Each structure stands twice: as C-alpha cells, then as structure tokens.
Amino acid sequence: MNIPFEHRQSAHCENGVISNLLNHRGVRISEPLAFGIGSGLFFTYLPFIKVNFAPGFSYRPMPGQIFRKLAKRLGIRVKHQRFSSPEKARTALEEKLSQGIPVGLQVGVYHLTYFPDEYRFHFNAHNLVVYGKEAGDYLISDPVMDYTTRLSEQELEQVRFAKGALAPKGHLYYLERLPEHYDLQRAIRKGIRQTCNDMLAPVPIVGVRAMRWVARNIRKWPTTIGVKKTNHYLGQLVRMQEEIGTGGGGFRFIYAAFLQEAATLLDMPILRQRSAEMTAIGDAWRDFALDISRIYKNRNPDADRYDKLAEQLATIAEREKQFFTQLRRDI
C-alpha cells in the first residue's frame, strides 16, 4: 500500500496536514489560506489550568478546530474516528490505506523516533499523514519535516495511544466528501471575521484582554510568587509561543501571508497593508520572546526588567486591538 502523495513541508502541523490532504484531492489551498480560513490565530490565558506547573497559555484554538472550521466554511465533509483499542485503530487505518485514502492522525510527540531529542516532549496534539505501508512500516508525511519518513507498527501505535492531556485515542481523520463548488471568497471573509471577534472578545481569558491580564501579572508575579516561579511561568509563556505548535510570533507571520493572499483573492489591496502591519506585530512578539529568554537565563540584570517586559506585552496587546478593530471594519 503506497499512495502517490505529495509531501510538502509547512510551518505548522495542522495547517500542513490540511493543505496536503486537500492538495492531494486537487483542492489548491496553501498553508496560510488554510490557517486563515480556519481562524487559527488566537490567544488565551487560563491561570486556573496548570501545564508543567505553570498557567495555561495558548496562541491557537483547540487542536482540530482549524480543520473543522475550514471544512465547514468550504462544505467539505471530514470523517473523524477515535478508538477503544489499538487493534481497532490499526484495522481502520489499514482499511483506508487499502482504499487509496491518505489518513491524518493525531499523535503524541514524545515517542516520535524521527524527531530530534530536543523536540520530543509530552504534547499529544501533533498531526501527520499516513500514506501507505511498506515492508511492515507505515509511510509518514509529517509536514514539519522536510522529508517523508517511516514508523513501525509498534512505534505508530505508541504515538497514537499516548497518555496524558489531549490523549489522541487513536484519532484518525480523512476527507470523506468534497463539494462540487465552494465559495472561497465567502470562506475567507468568514475566517477573518471570526479571528477578529476572537481577538476582540469581551472576556478576560481570550484575545487582547487576556494579553493585558498576563501583562499585569508579569508586573506582580516577582512579588507575589517570587522570582524563581515567575521565571518558570515566563519560560512556559515563551515555550508555548515559539516551540509548541509554532505559536505567537510564527502564527502572526503565517496570518500575514494569509492576508497577502486574501488581498488578491478578494481584490482588496488594503489587506496588503494589513499584512505588513501583522508582520511588524510578529516581529514584536519575537522581540518579546527574546527578552523573556534573557531574563530566564539571568542575562538581564535590570531592576525593572519585569516592568519592561509587562510594558512590551501591553503594547503588543494595544497594537493587536487596533489592528483587529480596523481589519473587522475593512472586511
């Protein structure tokens, strides 16, 4: 079983799987377009949920939501399945492969043998495509890799049934039906509007309000929880931004690419200007991450270093508020 499947590297696993599965069926959707239509840009702060002994920070919606939103907006039917046992999961996977259907999988990262050791951590929302089986090994198209690879039956079973938060439970998905016609312009507009609404949401744990809350806490944490714990929290913030699922800065660059593509598809030159603005915001996020790393590694001795960091994030929040307010008016 070896399905002719074009492997293309991407910046983010879920976007890449979406784009590659659709392109396999002749629907030319780029990674930025998939990300934008699926409203992938996000920010949330969940202080009541602890991840690695630090508050929950996320720069993206829940795993799978990008694909679900894109599919709904384009009229694509995607079949999702989870399983109670590895045997049932393996049978379902091989049935689809025998039908010539490449299959998307949600897996855990820690036991992916082809990942470098420094990228193998307990995160169960990674996505890849299985496009065949040869000599007992599954053929893997992992969009964050620049080449295809393989996993044995045992290795694939281990990552499909990884334990812990967001346990995949053998989760597989595949394209079940494509529409004869779809309205790409309408889907783009819907995706942009939802992103604007998410980032401007009137609740404290989502969007720019959540950023402001984190900024206020950065000022207080050194006094209320101590410097050591503060630095641990900041390390978690930058890890979620730059290492897990591409995150804050990288997602801003992908969204800028989406707006540039949307400018042509919608014949709206103003979106090119918005694209440049979002790229500049992405640069500010990267500067923020760099300054966190200097504090985390004790390379910033300034007495007011946490206040400066808080001010950086508050400034980014204000820039994003203005940006999404204007973008919502544009669209």
Foldseek 3Di string as FASTA:
>chain_A
DFFPFDFAADLFQVLRVLQRQCVVVVNHAHSLLLCLLLLFAKWFWAQVDDDPNATDIAGGDDQPSSNVSNCVQFVWDKDKDADPDLVVLVVVCVVCLVVQFKKKAFWFQQLPVVDPNVQRDGDGGGIWIFNHADPQWTWIRGNNDRDIDTDHSVSVSCGQQPDDPPGNNSMMMGTDDGDPDGDSLSSSLVSLLVNLCQQPPPDCGIHLNVLLVVLVVLQVCCPPPNLVVSLVNLVVVLCNQPRPRRHDLSVLLSNLVNLVVSCVVVVPVVSPVLSVLSNVLSVLVVVLSVLSVCVSVVNDPDPCSSNVSSVSSNVSSVSVNVSSVVSNVSD
